Amino acid sequence: MNTYDPFTLTGIQFSTRLNSQWHVLGGVHAGGDMAPWTTSAQPNGMLMLKWESRGGNDSLFGGVESIGHGYYKNGHDDLQVIGMTWSHKFTSRFHTLTESYYI
């Protein structure tokens, strides 16, 4: 994902834990790898959910990382990103993370 996925989202974010298994993350940002004060910035929203199994061995984290107009503006793209990560802990020393993205 180092070639396609934006790494920096600058904006305002909120996070709340609904209960021991569910967590919500939402916010507004200026677009992927874009500072809000530049002429290329475009408002984008995000809404992510995290679920964790009661035993803590599995979790799903995903949703809309970036959604906006998606226009190319002043030399910068505005990627629209939907992603999901599944994690599984086999032992205390061995675990996996599997990610998928639609950009």
C-alpha atoms as a PDB file:
ATOM      1  CA  MET A   1       0.000   0.000   0.000  1.00  0.00           C
ATOM      2  CA  ASN A   2       3.025   2.308   0.173  1.00  0.00           C
ATOM      3  CA  THR A   3       2.389   3.336  -3.456  1.00  0.00           C
ATOM      4  CA  TYR A   4      -1.333   4.141  -3.337  1.00  0.00           C
ATOM      5  CA  ASP A   5      -2.679   4.630   0.193  1.00  0.00           C
ATOM      6  CA  PRO A   6      -2.521   8.150   1.709  1.00  0.00           C
ATOM      7  CA  PHE A   7      -0.703   8.110   5.041  1.00  0.00           C
ATOM      8  CA  THR A   8      -1.550  11.508   6.514  1.00  0.00           C
ATOM      9  CA  LEU A   9      -5.076  12.764   7.124  1.00  0.00           C
ATOM     10  CA  THR A  10      -5.027  16.237   8.736  1.00  0.00           C
ATOM     11  CA  GLY A  11      -8.282  17.396  10.311  1.00  0.00           C
ATOM     12  CA  ILE A  12     -10.583  16.851  13.273  1.00  0.00           C
ATOM     13  CA  GLN A  13     -11.413  13.421  14.641  1.00  0.00           C
ATOM     14  CA  PHE A  14     -13.653  11.963  17.328  1.00  0.00           C
ATOM     15  CA  SER A  15     -13.490   8.556  18.900  1.00  0.00           C
ATOM     16  CA  THR A  16     -15.856   6.787  21.256  1.00  0.00           C
ATOM     17  CA  ARG A  17     -16.084   3.307  22.702  1.00  0.00           C
ATOM     18  CA  LEU A  18     -19.673   2.057  22.597  1.00  0.00           C
ATOM     19  CA  ASN A  19     -19.015  -1.006  24.763  1.00  0.00           C
ATOM     20  CA  SER A  20     -16.277  -3.587  25.335  1.00  0.00           C
ATOM     21  CA  GLN A  21     -16.502  -4.823  21.738  1.00  0.00           C
ATOM     22  CA  TRP A  22     -17.433  -1.798  19.586  1.00  0.00           C
ATOM     23  CA  HIS A  23     -15.550   1.428  18.902  1.00  0.00           C
ATOM     24  CA  VAL A  24     -16.486   4.291  16.513  1.00  0.00           C
ATOM     25  CA  LEU A  25     -14.071   6.731  14.872  1.00  0.00           C
ATOM     26  CA  GLY A  26     -15.256   9.648  12.736  1.00  0.00           C
ATOM     27  CA  GLY A  27     -14.029  12.951  11.459  1.00  0.00           C
ATOM     28  CA  VAL A  28     -13.394  15.493   8.731  1.00  0.00           C
ATOM     29  CA  HIS A  29     -10.034  16.030   7.015  1.00  0.00           C
ATOM     30  CA  ALA A  30      -8.474  17.937   4.094  1.00  0.00           C
ATOM     31  CA  GLY A  31      -7.817  14.889   1.891  1.00  0.00           C
ATOM     32  CA  GLY A  32      -5.024  12.351   1.778  1.00  0.00           C
ATOM     33  CA  ASP A  33      -1.550  13.757   2.405  1.00  0.00           C
ATOM     34  CA  MET A  34      -2.925  17.312   2.207  1.00  0.00           C
ATOM     35  CA  ALA A  35      -2.615  20.228   4.636  1.00  0.00           C
ATOM     36  CA  PRO A  36      -5.934  22.068   5.227  1.00  0.00           C
ATOM     37  CA  TRP A  37      -4.427  25.499   4.433  1.00  0.00           C
ATOM     38  CA  THR A  38      -3.263  24.609   0.893  1.00  0.00           C
ATOM     39  CA  THR A  39      -5.223  25.429  -2.278  1.00  0.00           C
ATOM     40  CA  SER A  40      -5.447  21.711  -3.113  1.00  0.00           C
ATOM     41  CA  ALA A  41      -7.256  20.782   0.119  1.00  0.00           C
ATOM     42  CA  GLN A  42     -10.782  19.377  -0.204  1.00  0.00           C
ATOM     43  CA  PRO A  43     -13.116  18.477   2.680  1.00  0.00           C
ATOM     44  CA  ASN A  44     -13.453  14.718   3.193  1.00  0.00           C
ATOM     45  CA  GLY A  45     -15.281  12.684   5.793  1.00  0.00           C
ATOM     46  CA  MET A  46     -14.404   9.457   7.528  1.00  0.00           C
ATOM     47  CA  LEU A  47     -16.370   6.891   9.530  1.00  0.00           C
ATOM     48  CA  MET A  48     -14.682   3.764  10.860  1.00  0.00           C
ATOM     49  CA  LEU A  49     -15.871   0.948  13.144  1.00  0.00           C
ATOM     50  CA  LYS A  50     -13.868  -1.513  15.189  1.00  0.00           C
ATOM     51  CA  TRP A  51     -15.160  -4.805  16.558  1.00  0.00           C
ATOM     52  CA  GLU A  52     -13.149  -6.962  18.930  1.00  0.00           C
ATOM     53  CA  SER A  53     -14.080 -10.494  19.965  1.00  0.00           C
ATOM     54  CA  ARG A  54     -14.765 -11.117  23.642  1.00  0.00           C
ATOM     55  CA  GLY A  55     -11.600 -13.175  23.976  1.00  0.00           C
ATOM     56  CA  GLY A  56      -9.527 -10.536  22.184  1.00  0.00           C
ATOM     57  CA  ASN A  57      -8.177 -12.948  19.572  1.00  0.00           C
ATOM     58  CA  ASP A  58     -10.025 -11.425  16.610  1.00  0.00           C
ATOM     59  CA  SER A  59     -10.860  -7.901  15.515  1.00  0.00           C
ATOM     60  CA  LEU A  60     -12.231  -6.117  12.461  1.00  0.00           C
ATOM     61  CA  PHE A  61     -11.464  -2.453  11.824  1.00  0.00           C
ATOM     62  CA  GLY A  62     -12.797  -0.751   8.747  1.00  0.00           C
ATOM     63  CA  GLY A  63     -15.088   1.619   6.972  1.00  0.00           C
ATOM     64  CA  VAL A  64     -14.780   4.795   4.945  1.00  0.00           C
ATOM     65  CA  GLU A  65     -11.361   6.370   5.492  1.00  0.00           C
ATOM     66  CA  SER A  66     -11.880   9.173   3.004  1.00  0.00           C
ATOM     67  CA  ILE A  67     -14.983  10.258   1.105  1.00  0.00           C
ATOM     68  CA  GLY A  68     -15.454  13.562  -0.668  1.00  0.00           C
ATOM     69  CA  HIS A  69     -15.787  14.951  -4.183  1.00  0.00           C
ATOM     70  CA  GLY A  70     -12.842  12.946  -5.519  1.00  0.00           C
ATOM     71  CA  TYR A  71     -11.715  15.687  -7.916  1.00  0.00           C
ATOM     72  CA  TYR A  72      -8.166  16.385  -9.057  1.00  0.00           C
ATOM     73  CA  LYS A  73      -7.476  19.934  -7.822  1.00  0.00           C
ATOM     74  CA  ASN A  74      -4.377  22.156  -8.195  1.00  0.00           C
ATOM     75  CA  GLY A  75      -1.998  19.281  -8.930  1.00  0.00           C
ATOM     76  CA  HIS A  76      -3.248  16.921  -6.236  1.00  0.00           C
ATOM     77  CA  ASP A  77      -5.651  13.996  -6.324  1.00  0.00           C
ATOM     78  CA  ASP A  78      -8.420  13.395  -3.768  1.00  0.00           C
ATOM     79  CA  LEU A  79      -8.380   9.649  -3.195  1.00  0.00           C
ATOM     80  CA  GLN A  80     -11.569   8.021  -1.965  1.00  0.00           C
ATOM     81  CA  VAL A  81     -10.640   5.130   0.340  1.00  0.00           C
ATOM     82  CA  ILE A  82     -12.641   2.287   1.876  1.00  0.00           C
ATOM     83  CA  GLY A  83     -10.671  -0.233   3.892  1.00  0.00           C
ATOM     84  CA  MET A  84     -10.906  -3.179   6.257  1.00  0.00           C
ATOM     85  CA  THR A  85      -8.329  -4.892   8.466  1.00  0.00           C
ATOM     86  CA  TRP A  86      -8.846  -8.268  10.148  1.00  0.00           C
ATOM     87  CA  SER A  87      -6.483  -9.286  12.915  1.00  0.00           C
ATOM     88  CA  HIS A  88      -6.165 -12.698  14.512  1.00  0.00           C
ATOM     89  CA  LYS A  89      -3.995 -13.702  17.470  1.00  0.00           C
ATOM     90  CA  PHE A  90      -2.939 -17.351  17.383  1.00  0.00           C
ATOM     91  CA  THR A  91      -0.658 -17.153  20.434  1.00  0.00           C
ATOM     92  CA  SER A  92       0.884 -14.372  22.519  1.00  0.00           C
ATOM     93  CA  ARG A  93       3.852 -14.392  20.111  1.00  0.00           C
ATOM     94  CA  PHE A  94       2.167 -15.009  16.743  1.00  0.00           C
ATOM     95  CA  HIS A  95      -0.601 -12.976  15.105  1.00  0.00           C
ATOM     96  CA  THR A  96      -1.686 -11.906  11.629  1.00  0.00           C
ATOM     97  CA  LEU A  97      -3.180  -8.772  10.052  1.00  0.00           C
ATOM     98  CA  THR A  98      -4.996  -8.970   6.729  1.00  0.00           C
ATOM     99  CA  GLU A  99      -5.927  -5.732   4.966  1.00  0.00           C
ATOM    100  CA  SER A 100      -8.076  -4.896   1.972  1.00  0.00           C
ATOM    101  CA  TYR A 101      -8.692  -1.536   0.332  1.00  0.00           C
ATOM    102  CA  TYR A 102     -10.869  -0.085  -2.369  1.00  0.00           C
ATOM    103  CA  ILE A 103      -9.371   3.164  -3.641  1.00  0.00           C
END
